[in-house]
């Protein structure tokens, strides 16, 4: 029988598509877990997620370990900062935002992080932005505002909508800040080891946060419905560990630019899943806003290749 053989680029594209799909299920799982019990909030669900993911990242740390000779205390401090910023703080803010806004809007706002990275880089390194970049940013933010205003008009005027949107935007800012730290850290630690270390640090930070913030943390975890445990573990394994490995494999085979392009299907996948499983609906104006957002971010990603 003939065997199916994929080239490295095809395998890289397949890994990127699978990673994008798995990442896209995150908001769906989170919203469904929130609906199961009043005991579940961002801190509790994050603890379940990171607690289940931590053993796998520690194993990755061990197998990707390297011998370092020129690392300073500052390098290790920057590594800790990167891990806490990119995968602890950004994730917790995102989980908080999903308590108040739809999964569709959350993904569209979060998808702005490449534009934030470009804007921050232009300020830090005093780089002049091109007309194309300004146009891309205008499209991205204009599309996002369209989706936000449409959802806000259908939301009760209790103030929680803007709180949720602010949390998710803050998450995008935190993740963009993490990305600014990443290139130098990858050079020093290696891509696999850096990611494993950063994620392990984020897991530990999340668990410490949970223990310090939640009264009777052990008792609360024990009282959670089994289905919440299932969602928490699923988010940890299938939305955190597995897509991280798949995306790294894609970057190795395709490079970061092409992998990011393929990952841009993420918002569309999240919206389709939200329609199917959360009964969310976007009107024609919101679909237009989503399209503008994706086109703008793609223009930014392509210009960085």
C-alpha atoms as a PDB file:
ATOM      1  CA  UNK A   1       0.000   0.000   0.000  1.00  0.00           C
ATOM      2  CA  UNK A   2       1.285   3.505  -0.753  1.00  0.00           C
ATOM      3  CA  UNK A   3       2.342   5.463   2.310  1.00  0.00           C
ATOM      4  CA  UNK A   4       1.465   9.094   2.902  1.00  0.00           C
ATOM      5  CA  UNK A   5       4.649  11.126   3.090  1.00  0.00           C
ATOM      6  CA  UNK A   6       4.625  14.803   3.982  1.00  0.00           C
ATOM      7  CA  UNK A   7       7.414  17.230   3.233  1.00  0.00           C
ATOM      8  CA  UNK A   8       8.829  19.292   6.132  1.00  0.00           C
ATOM      9  CA  UNK A   9       6.871  22.345   4.970  1.00  0.00           C
ATOM     10  CA  UNK A  10       3.638  20.370   4.713  1.00  0.00           C
ATOM     11  CA  UNK A  11       4.193  18.895   8.159  1.00  0.00           C
ATOM     12  CA  UNK A  12       4.894  22.372   9.499  1.00  0.00           C
ATOM     13  CA  UNK A  13       1.684  23.711   7.975  1.00  0.00           C
ATOM     14  CA  UNK A  14      -0.303  20.799   9.421  1.00  0.00           C
ATOM     15  CA  UNK A  15       1.165  21.429  12.877  1.00  0.00           C
ATOM     16  CA  UNK A  16       0.286  25.135  12.632  1.00  0.00           C
ATOM     17  CA  UNK A  17      -3.300  24.389  11.592  1.00  0.00           C
ATOM     18  CA  UNK A  18      -3.761  21.890  14.429  1.00  0.00           C
ATOM     19  CA  UNK A  19      -2.234  24.341  16.925  1.00  0.00           C
ATOM     20  CA  UNK A  20      -4.516  27.140  15.702  1.00  0.00           C
ATOM     21  CA  UNK A  21      -7.572  24.920  16.095  1.00  0.00           C
ATOM     22  CA  UNK A  22      -6.611  23.814  19.608  1.00  0.00           C
ATOM     23  CA  UNK A  23      -5.838  27.382  20.700  1.00  0.00           C
ATOM     24  CA  UNK A  24      -9.227  28.400  19.292  1.00  0.00           C
ATOM     25  CA  UNK A  25     -11.065  26.064  21.650  1.00  0.00           C
ATOM     26  CA  UNK A  26      -9.730  27.852  24.741  1.00  0.00           C
ATOM     27  CA  UNK A  27     -12.467  30.462  25.059  1.00  0.00           C
ATOM     28  CA  UNK A  28     -15.133  27.836  24.382  1.00  0.00           C
ATOM     29  CA  UNK A  29     -13.928  25.588  27.198  1.00  0.00           C
ATOM     30  CA  UNK A  30     -13.581  28.545  29.559  1.00  0.00           C
ATOM     31  CA  UNK A  31     -17.099  29.854  28.936  1.00  0.00           C
ATOM     32  CA  UNK A  32     -18.561  26.379  29.345  1.00  0.00           C
ATOM     33  CA  UNK A  33     -16.677  25.849  32.616  1.00  0.00           C
ATOM     34  CA  UNK A  34     -17.887  29.196  33.987  1.00  0.00           C
ATOM     35  CA  UNK A  35     -21.474  28.152  33.292  1.00  0.00           C
ATOM     36  CA  UNK A  36     -21.175  24.959  35.344  1.00  0.00           C
ATOM     37  CA  UNK A  37     -20.663  26.319  38.855  1.00  0.00           C
ATOM     38  CA  UNK A  38     -20.669  29.662  40.725  1.00  0.00           C
ATOM     39  CA  UNK A  39     -17.459  28.505  42.420  1.00  0.00           C
ATOM     40  CA  UNK A  40     -15.547  28.794  39.150  1.00  0.00           C
ATOM     41  CA  UNK A  41     -13.785  32.057  38.347  1.00  0.00           C
ATOM     42  CA  UNK A  42     -10.626  33.029  36.472  1.00  0.00           C
ATOM     43  CA  UNK A  43      -8.272  32.218  39.361  1.00  0.00           C
ATOM     44  CA  UNK A  44      -9.763  28.774  40.006  1.00  0.00           C
ATOM     45  CA  UNK A  45      -9.839  27.760  36.352  1.00  0.00           C
ATOM     46  CA  UNK A  46      -6.313  29.052  35.776  1.00  0.00           C
ATOM     47  CA  UNK A  47      -5.096  26.937  38.703  1.00  0.00           C
ATOM     48  CA  UNK A  48      -6.664  23.815  37.191  1.00  0.00           C
ATOM     49  CA  UNK A  49      -5.185  24.635  33.795  1.00  0.00           C
ATOM     50  CA  UNK A  50      -1.652  25.342  34.937  1.00  0.00           C
ATOM     51  CA  UNK A  51      -1.617  22.621  37.580  1.00  0.00           C
ATOM     52  CA  UNK A  52      -2.372  19.994  34.954  1.00  0.00           C
ATOM     53  CA  UNK A  53       0.122  21.476  32.475  1.00  0.00           C
ATOM     54  CA  UNK A  54       3.052  21.938  34.891  1.00  0.00           C
ATOM     55  CA  UNK A  55       4.324  18.302  34.927  1.00  0.00           C
ATOM     56  CA  UNK A  56       4.585  18.267  31.134  1.00  0.00           C
ATOM     57  CA  UNK A  57       6.478  21.562  30.994  1.00  0.00           C
ATOM     58  CA  UNK A  58       8.885  20.363  33.686  1.00  0.00           C
ATOM     59  CA  UNK A  59       9.556  17.253  31.575  1.00  0.00           C
ATOM     60  CA  UNK A  60      10.171  19.521  28.570  1.00  0.00           C
ATOM     61  CA  UNK A  61      12.579  21.578  30.690  1.00  0.00           C
ATOM     62  CA  UNK A  62      14.532  18.436  31.546  1.00  0.00           C
ATOM     63  CA  UNK A  63      14.801  17.059  28.018  1.00  0.00           C
ATOM     64  CA  UNK A  64      15.620  20.440  26.446  1.00  0.00           C
ATOM     65  CA  UNK A  65      18.158  21.426  29.128  1.00  0.00           C
ATOM     66  CA  UNK A  66      21.440  22.919  28.007  1.00  0.00           C
ATOM     67  CA  UNK A  67      24.787  23.770  29.545  1.00  0.00           C
ATOM     68  CA  UNK A  68      24.964  27.533  30.162  1.00  0.00           C
ATOM     69  CA  UNK A  69      28.199  29.344  30.833  1.00  0.00           C
ATOM     70  CA  UNK A  70      27.573  33.025  30.125  1.00  0.00           C
ATOM     71  CA  UNK A  71      24.160  33.601  31.686  1.00  0.00           C
ATOM     72  CA  UNK A  72      23.877  36.298  34.354  1.00  0.00           C
ATOM     73  CA  UNK A  73      21.462  36.819  37.211  1.00  0.00           C
ATOM     74  CA  UNK A  74      19.814  39.479  35.047  1.00  0.00           C
ATOM     75  CA  UNK A  75      19.172  36.910  32.314  1.00  0.00           C
ATOM     76  CA  UNK A  76      17.421  34.607  34.756  1.00  0.00           C
ATOM     77  CA  UNK A  77      15.493  37.558  36.141  1.00  0.00           C
ATOM     78  CA  UNK A  78      14.331  38.492  32.635  1.00  0.00           C
ATOM     79  CA  UNK A  79      13.305  34.877  32.057  1.00  0.00           C
ATOM     80  CA  UNK A  80      11.159  34.927  35.201  1.00  0.00           C
ATOM     81  CA  UNK A  81       9.643  38.262  34.146  1.00  0.00           C
ATOM     82  CA  UNK A  82       8.876  36.938  30.674  1.00  0.00           C
ATOM     83  CA  UNK A  83       7.186  33.810  32.024  1.00  0.00           C
ATOM     84  CA  UNK A  84       5.066  35.718  34.519  1.00  0.00           C
ATOM     85  CA  UNK A  85       4.161  38.408  32.000  1.00  0.00           C
ATOM     86  CA  UNK A  86       3.360  36.304  28.971  1.00  0.00           C
ATOM     87  CA  UNK A  87       1.714  33.181  30.331  1.00  0.00           C
ATOM     88  CA  UNK A  88       0.618  34.064  33.858  1.00  0.00           C
ATOM     89  CA  UNK A  89      -0.538  37.696  33.812  1.00  0.00           C
ATOM     90  CA  UNK A  90      -1.727  37.714  30.189  1.00  0.00           C
ATOM     91  CA  UNK A  91      -3.619  34.451  30.687  1.00  0.00           C
ATOM     92  CA  UNK A  92      -5.228  35.512  33.966  1.00  0.00           C
ATOM     93  CA  UNK A  93      -6.399  38.821  32.465  1.00  0.00           C
ATOM     94  CA  UNK A  94      -7.817  36.921  29.494  1.00  0.00           C
ATOM     95  CA  UNK A  95      -9.683  34.482  31.753  1.00  0.00           C
ATOM     96  CA  UNK A  96     -11.058  37.451  33.715  1.00  0.00           C
ATOM     97  CA  UNK A  97     -12.287  39.138  30.560  1.00  0.00           C
ATOM     98  CA  UNK A  98     -14.133  36.021  29.444  1.00  0.00           C
ATOM     99  CA  UNK A  99     -16.292  36.260  32.554  1.00  0.00           C
ATOM    100  CA  UNK A 100     -17.945  39.343  31.010  1.00  0.00           C
ATOM    101  CA  UNK A 101     -17.738  39.273  27.203  1.00  0.00           C
ATOM    102  CA  UNK A 102     -18.361  36.765  24.434  1.00  0.00           C
ATOM    103  CA  UNK A 103     -15.753  34.304  23.219  1.00  0.00           C
ATOM    104  CA  UNK A 104     -15.919  35.838  19.729  1.00  0.00           C
ATOM    105  CA  UNK A 105     -15.118  39.358  20.903  1.00  0.00           C
ATOM    106  CA  UNK A 106     -12.422  38.088  23.265  1.00  0.00           C
ATOM    107  CA  UNK A 107     -10.529  36.454  20.414  1.00  0.00           C
ATOM    108  CA  UNK A 108     -10.824  39.503  18.174  1.00  0.00           C
ATOM    109  CA  UNK A 109      -9.478  41.851  20.862  1.00  0.00           C
ATOM    110  CA  UNK A 110      -6.695  39.434  21.789  1.00  0.00           C
ATOM    111  CA  UNK A 111      -5.717  39.176  18.127  1.00  0.00           C
ATOM    112  CA  UNK A 112      -4.522  42.802  18.277  1.00  0.00           C
ATOM    113  CA  UNK A 113      -1.277  41.832  20.017  1.00  0.00           C
ATOM    114  CA  UNK A 114       0.892  41.959  16.831  1.00  0.00           C
ATOM    115  CA  UNK A 115      -0.123  45.578  16.260  1.00  0.00           C
ATOM    116  CA  UNK A 116       0.746  46.383  19.873  1.00  0.00           C
ATOM    117  CA  UNK A 117       4.163  44.786  19.417  1.00  0.00           C
ATOM    118  CA  UNK A 118       4.821  46.911  16.325  1.00  0.00           C
ATOM    119  CA  UNK A 119       3.684  50.103  18.065  1.00  0.00           C
ATOM    120  CA  UNK A 120       5.824  49.394  21.125  1.00  0.00           C
ATOM    121  CA  UNK A 121       8.859  48.553  18.987  1.00  0.00           C
ATOM    122  CA  UNK A 122       8.493  51.813  17.064  1.00  0.00           C
ATOM    123  CA  UNK A 123       8.532  53.766  20.331  1.00  0.00           C
ATOM    124  CA  UNK A 124      11.353  51.813  21.996  1.00  0.00           C
ATOM    125  CA  UNK A 125      13.649  51.681  18.959  1.00  0.00           C
ATOM    126  CA  UNK A 126      12.467  55.009  17.480  1.00  0.00           C
ATOM    127  CA  UNK A 127      11.462  53.370  14.199  1.00  0.00           C
ATOM    128  CA  UNK A 128       9.242  55.274  11.788  1.00  0.00           C
ATOM    129  CA  UNK A 129       6.120  53.364  10.796  1.00  0.00           C
ATOM    130  CA  UNK A 130       5.266  53.023   7.115  1.00  0.00           C
ATOM    131  CA  UNK A 131       1.990  54.138   5.569  1.00  0.00           C
ATOM    132  CA  UNK A 132       1.095  50.465   5.083  1.00  0.00           C
ATOM    133  CA  UNK A 133       1.587  49.806   8.788  1.00  0.00           C
ATOM    134  CA  UNK A 134      -0.621  52.757   9.736  1.00  0.00           C
ATOM    135  CA  UNK A 135      -3.300  51.434   7.377  1.00  0.00           C
ATOM    136  CA  UNK A 136      -3.028  47.952   8.901  1.00  0.00           C
ATOM    137  CA  UNK A 137      -3.408  49.354  12.418  1.00  0.00           C
ATOM    138  CA  UNK A 138      -6.392  51.441  11.337  1.00  0.00           C
ATOM    139  CA  UNK A 139      -8.075  48.379   9.824  1.00  0.00           C
ATOM    140  CA  UNK A 140      -7.390  46.225  12.896  1.00  0.00           C
ATOM    141  CA  UNK A 141      -8.654  48.685  15.479  1.00  0.00           C
ATOM    142  CA  UNK A 142     -11.500  49.929  13.323  1.00  0.00           C
ATOM    143  CA  UNK A 143     -12.735  46.370  12.832  1.00  0.00           C
ATOM    144  CA  UNK A 144     -12.406  45.620  16.536  1.00  0.00           C
ATOM    145  CA  UNK A 145     -14.369  48.739  17.488  1.00  0.00           C
ATOM    146  CA  UNK A 146     -17.141  47.733  15.069  1.00  0.00           C
ATOM    147  CA  UNK A 147     -17.491  44.326  16.739  1.00  0.00           C
ATOM    148  CA  UNK A 148     -17.324  45.848  20.244  1.00  0.00           C
ATOM    149  CA  UNK A 149     -19.977  48.490  19.619  1.00  0.00           C
ATOM    150  CA  UNK A 150     -22.337  45.956  18.093  1.00  0.00           C
ATOM    151  CA  UNK A 151     -21.967  43.591  21.061  1.00  0.00           C
ATOM    152  CA  UNK A 152     -22.175  46.412  23.582  1.00  0.00           C
ATOM    153  CA  UNK A 153     -25.465  47.599  22.096  1.00  0.00           C
ATOM    154  CA  UNK A 154     -26.949  44.181  22.888  1.00  0.00           C
ATOM    155  CA  UNK A 155     -25.482  43.983  26.410  1.00  0.00           C
ATOM    156  CA  UNK A 156     -27.252  45.148  29.586  1.00  0.00           C
ATOM    157  CA  UNK A 157     -25.907  48.478  30.773  1.00  0.00           C
ATOM    158  CA  UNK A 158     -24.246  47.185  33.942  1.00  0.00           C
ATOM    159  CA  UNK A 159     -20.683  48.216  33.139  1.00  0.00           C
ATOM    160  CA  UNK A 160     -19.338  44.665  33.015  1.00  0.00           C
ATOM    161  CA  UNK A 161     -18.957  44.697  29.242  1.00  0.00           C
ATOM    162  CA  UNK A 162     -16.317  47.409  29.300  1.00  0.00           C
ATOM    163  CA  UNK A 163     -14.608  45.776  32.286  1.00  0.00           C
ATOM    164  CA  UNK A 164     -14.348  42.527  30.335  1.00  0.00           C
ATOM    165  CA  UNK A 165     -13.128  44.218  27.162  1.00  0.00           C
ATOM    166  CA  UNK A 166     -10.523  46.131  29.202  1.00  0.00           C
ATOM    167  CA  UNK A 167      -9.261  42.935  30.831  1.00  0.00           C
ATOM    168  CA  UNK A 168      -8.788  41.249  27.445  1.00  0.00           C
ATOM    169  CA  UNK A 169      -7.090  44.289  25.924  1.00  0.00           C
ATOM    170  CA  UNK A 170      -4.758  44.402  28.946  1.00  0.00           C
ATOM    171  CA  UNK A 171      -4.038  40.728  28.264  1.00  0.00           C
ATOM    172  CA  UNK A 172      -3.062  41.598  24.677  1.00  0.00           C
ATOM    173  CA  UNK A 173      -0.764  44.361  25.991  1.00  0.00           C
ATOM    174  CA  UNK A 174       0.879  41.938  28.451  1.00  0.00           C
ATOM    175  CA  UNK A 175       1.417  39.309  25.743  1.00  0.00           C
ATOM    176  CA  UNK A 176       2.829  41.908  23.337  1.00  0.00           C
ATOM    177  CA  UNK A 177       5.258  42.992  26.064  1.00  0.00           C
ATOM    178  CA  UNK A 178       6.285  39.364  26.507  1.00  0.00           C
ATOM    179  CA  UNK A 179       6.962  39.063  22.772  1.00  0.00           C
ATOM    180  CA  UNK A 180       9.331  42.039  22.948  1.00  0.00           C
ATOM    181  CA  UNK A 181      11.420  40.132  25.518  1.00  0.00           C
ATOM    182  CA  UNK A 182      11.334  36.845  23.604  1.00  0.00           C
ATOM    183  CA  UNK A 183      14.009  37.233  20.869  1.00  0.00           C
ATOM    184  CA  UNK A 184      16.903  37.896  23.253  1.00  0.00           C
ATOM    185  CA  UNK A 185      15.746  35.191  25.637  1.00  0.00           C
ATOM    186  CA  UNK A 186      15.516  32.607  22.851  1.00  0.00           C
ATOM    187  CA  UNK A 187      19.049  33.486  21.761  1.00  0.00           C
ATOM    188  CA  UNK A 188      20.337  32.900  25.277  1.00  0.00           C
ATOM    189  CA  UNK A 189      18.289  29.872  26.332  1.00  0.00           C
ATOM    190  CA  UNK A 190      17.285  28.239  23.028  1.00  0.00           C
ATOM    191  CA  UNK A 191      13.703  28.215  21.781  1.00  0.00           C
ATOM    192  CA  UNK A 192      12.558  24.911  23.280  1.00  0.00           C
ATOM    193  CA  UNK A 193      14.184  25.421  26.663  1.00  0.00           C
ATOM    194  CA  UNK A 194      13.036  29.044  26.912  1.00  0.00           C
ATOM    195  CA  UNK A 195       9.407  28.139  26.229  1.00  0.00           C
ATOM    196  CA  UNK A 196       9.489  25.232  28.661  1.00  0.00           C
ATOM    197  CA  UNK A 197      11.078  27.362  31.392  1.00  0.00           C
ATOM    198  CA  UNK A 198       8.785  30.350  30.815  1.00  0.00           C
ATOM    199  CA  UNK A 199       5.670  28.199  30.917  1.00  0.00           C
ATOM    200  CA  UNK A 200       6.856  26.334  34.025  1.00  0.00           C
ATOM    201  CA  UNK A 201       7.424  29.665  35.769  1.00  0.00           C
ATOM    202  CA  UNK A 202       3.950  30.816  34.710  1.00  0.00           C
ATOM    203  CA  UNK A 203       2.417  27.609  36.081  1.00  0.00           C
ATOM    204  CA  UNK A 204       4.138  28.080  39.440  1.00  0.00           C
ATOM    205  CA  UNK A 205       3.119  31.754  39.556  1.00  0.00           C
ATOM    206  CA  UNK A 206      -0.495  30.809  38.866  1.00  0.00           C
ATOM    207  CA  UNK A 207      -0.567  28.170  41.606  1.00  0.00           C
ATOM    208  CA  UNK A 208       1.001  30.574  44.132  1.00  0.00           C
ATOM    209  CA  UNK A 209      -1.584  33.193  43.148  1.00  0.00           C
ATOM    210  CA  UNK A 210      -4.374  30.685  43.732  1.00  0.00           C
ATOM    211  CA  UNK A 211      -3.101  29.565  47.139  1.00  0.00           C
ATOM    212  CA  UNK A 212      -2.566  33.142  48.366  1.00  0.00           C
ATOM    213  CA  UNK A 213      -5.795  34.640  47.005  1.00  0.00           C
ATOM    214  CA  UNK A 214      -8.399  31.922  47.561  1.00  0.00           C
ATOM    215  CA  UNK A 215      -9.597  31.093  51.100  1.00  0.00           C
ATOM    216  CA  UNK A 216      -9.454  27.342  51.792  1.00  0.00           C
ATOM    217  CA  UNK A 217      -7.958  26.567  48.359  1.00  0.00           C
ATOM    218  CA  UNK A 218      -7.790  22.792  48.835  1.00  0.00           C
ATOM    219  CA  UNK A 219     -11.395  22.556  50.006  1.00  0.00           C
ATOM    220  CA  UNK A 220     -12.604  24.679  47.074  1.00  0.00           C
ATOM    221  CA  UNK A 221     -10.851  22.487  44.532  1.00  0.00           C
ATOM    222  CA  UNK A 222     -12.323  19.372  46.135  1.00  0.00           C
ATOM    223  CA  UNK A 223     -15.855  20.812  45.934  1.00  0.00           C
ATOM    224  CA  UNK A 224     -15.723  21.548  42.225  1.00  0.00           C
ATOM    225  CA  UNK A 225     -17.967  19.452  39.956  1.00  0.00           C
ATOM    226  CA  UNK A 226     -16.100  16.731  38.039  1.00  0.00           C
ATOM    227  CA  UNK A 227     -17.016  18.424  34.756  1.00  0.00           C
ATOM    228  CA  UNK A 228     -15.113  21.557  35.835  1.00  0.00           C
ATOM    229  CA  UNK A 229     -12.081  19.397  36.547  1.00  0.00           C
ATOM    230  CA  UNK A 230     -12.483  17.941  33.079  1.00  0.00           C
ATOM    231  CA  UNK A 231     -12.546  21.358  31.439  1.00  0.00           C
ATOM    232  CA  UNK A 232      -9.580  22.571  33.495  1.00  0.00           C
ATOM    233  CA  UNK A 233      -7.469  19.554  32.557  1.00  0.00           C
ATOM    234  CA  UNK A 234      -8.565  19.817  28.917  1.00  0.00           C
ATOM    235  CA  UNK A 235      -7.493  23.474  28.836  1.00  0.00           C
ATOM    236  CA  UNK A 236      -4.171  22.510  30.399  1.00  0.00           C
ATOM    237  CA  UNK A 237      -3.360  19.599  28.096  1.00  0.00           C
ATOM    238  CA  UNK A 238      -5.165  20.272  24.811  1.00  0.00           C
ATOM    239  CA  UNK A 239      -5.178  24.081  24.784  1.00  0.00           C
ATOM    240  CA  UNK A 240      -1.823  24.745  26.446  1.00  0.00           C
ATOM    241  CA  UNK A 241       0.678  21.871  26.264  1.00  0.00           C
ATOM    242  CA  UNK A 242      -0.185  20.226  22.935  1.00  0.00           C
ATOM    243  CA  UNK A 243      -0.626  23.381  20.793  1.00  0.00           C
ATOM    244  CA  UNK A 244       2.561  24.858  22.257  1.00  0.00           C
ATOM    245  CA  UNK A 245       4.510  21.793  21.094  1.00  0.00           C
ATOM    246  CA  UNK A 246       2.773  21.809  17.698  1.00  0.00           C
ATOM    247  CA  UNK A 247       3.473  25.504  17.137  1.00  0.00           C
ATOM    248  CA  UNK A 248       7.137  25.033  18.020  1.00  0.00           C
ATOM    249  CA  UNK A 249       7.323  22.190  15.507  1.00  0.00           C
ATOM    250  CA  UNK A 250       5.714  24.442  12.905  1.00  0.00           C
ATOM    251  CA  UNK A 251       8.165  27.270  13.553  1.00  0.00           C
ATOM    252  CA  UNK A 252      11.096  24.864  13.217  1.00  0.00           C
ATOM    253  CA  UNK A 253       9.836  23.744   9.781  1.00  0.00           C
ATOM    254  CA  UNK A 254       8.273  26.934   8.399  1.00  0.00           C
ATOM    255  CA  UNK A 255       9.739  29.813  10.363  1.00  0.00           C
ATOM    256  CA  UNK A 256       7.800  32.244  12.578  1.00  0.00           C
ATOM    257  CA  UNK A 257       6.388  34.318   9.698  1.00  0.00           C
ATOM    258  CA  UNK A 258       4.604  31.529   7.839  1.00  0.00           C
ATOM    259  CA  UNK A 259       3.473  29.923  11.093  1.00  0.00           C
ATOM    260  CA  UNK A 260       1.929  33.220  12.202  1.00  0.00           C
ATOM    261  CA  UNK A 261       0.126  33.534   8.868  1.00  0.00           C
ATOM    262  CA  UNK A 262      -1.482  30.135   9.272  1.00  0.00           C
ATOM    263  CA  UNK A 263      -2.337  30.891  12.900  1.00  0.00           C
ATOM    264  CA  UNK A 264      -4.334  33.910  11.707  1.00  0.00           C
ATOM    265  CA  UNK A 265      -7.263  31.568  11.037  1.00  0.00           C
ATOM    266  CA  UNK A 266      -7.648  31.353  14.824  1.00  0.00           C
ATOM    267  CA  UNK A 267     -10.268  34.103  15.296  1.00  0.00           C
ATOM    268  CA  UNK A 268     -12.480  32.653  12.571  1.00  0.00           C
ATOM    269  CA  UNK A 269     -12.239  29.198  14.149  1.00  0.00           C
ATOM    270  CA  UNK A 270     -13.123  30.589  17.587  1.00  0.00           C
ATOM    271  CA  UNK A 271     -16.138  32.434  16.191  1.00  0.00           C
ATOM    272  CA  UNK A 272     -17.389  29.331  14.370  1.00  0.00           C
ATOM    273  CA  UNK A 273     -16.950  27.228  17.521  1.00  0.00           C
ATOM    274  CA  UNK A 274     -18.715  29.898  19.601  1.00  0.00           C
ATOM    275  CA  UNK A 275     -21.652  29.847  17.187  1.00  0.00           C
ATOM    276  CA  UNK A 276     -21.798  26.046  17.321  1.00  0.00           C
ATOM    277  CA  UNK A 277     -21.316  25.454  21.056  1.00  0.00           C
ATOM    278  CA  UNK A 278     -22.144  28.725  22.850  1.00  0.00           C
ATOM    279  CA  UNK A 279     -25.040  29.894  20.703  1.00  0.00           C
ATOM    280  CA  UNK A 280     -23.249  33.156  19.933  1.00  0.00           C
ATOM    281  CA  UNK A 281     -24.216  35.032  16.796  1.00  0.00           C
ATOM    282  CA  UNK A 282     -22.456  37.763  14.807  1.00  0.00           C
ATOM    283  CA  UNK A 283     -24.393  40.091  12.548  1.00  0.00           C
ATOM    284  CA  UNK A 284     -23.094  41.284   9.181  1.00  0.00           C
ATOM    285  CA  UNK A 285     -21.425  44.372  10.668  1.00  0.00           C
ATOM    286  CA  UNK A 286     -19.550  42.231  13.194  1.00  0.00           C
ATOM    287  CA  UNK A 287     -18.392  39.855  10.463  1.00  0.00           C
ATOM    288  CA  UNK A 288     -17.113  42.889   8.551  1.00  0.00           C
ATOM    289  CA  UNK A 289     -15.286  44.083  11.656  1.00  0.00           C
ATOM    290  CA  UNK A 290     -13.756  40.638  12.150  1.00  0.00           C
ATOM    291  CA  UNK A 291     -12.569  40.603   8.526  1.00  0.00           C
ATOM    292  CA  UNK A 292     -11.005  44.063   8.852  1.00  0.00           C
ATOM    293  CA  UNK A 293      -9.236  43.004  12.049  1.00  0.00           C
ATOM    294  CA  UNK A 294      -7.766  39.872  10.437  1.00  0.00           C
ATOM    295  CA  UNK A 295      -6.687  41.700   7.267  1.00  0.00           C
ATOM    296  CA  UNK A 296      -4.955  44.383   9.324  1.00  0.00           C
ATOM    297  CA  UNK A 297      -3.112  41.892  11.525  1.00  0.00           C
ATOM    298  CA  UNK A 298      -2.105  39.838   8.471  1.00  0.00           C
ATOM    299  CA  UNK A 299      -0.636  42.971   6.874  1.00  0.00           C
ATOM    300  CA  UNK A 300       1.426  43.522  10.019  1.00  0.00           C
ATOM    301  CA  UNK A 301       2.549  39.882  10.147  1.00  0.00           C
ATOM    302  CA  UNK A 302       3.544  39.835   6.467  1.00  0.00           C
ATOM    303  CA  UNK A 303       5.526  43.050   6.790  1.00  0.00           C
ATOM    304  CA  UNK A 304       7.560  41.436   9.635  1.00  0.00           C
ATOM    305  CA  UNK A 305       8.565  38.364   7.610  1.00  0.00           C
END
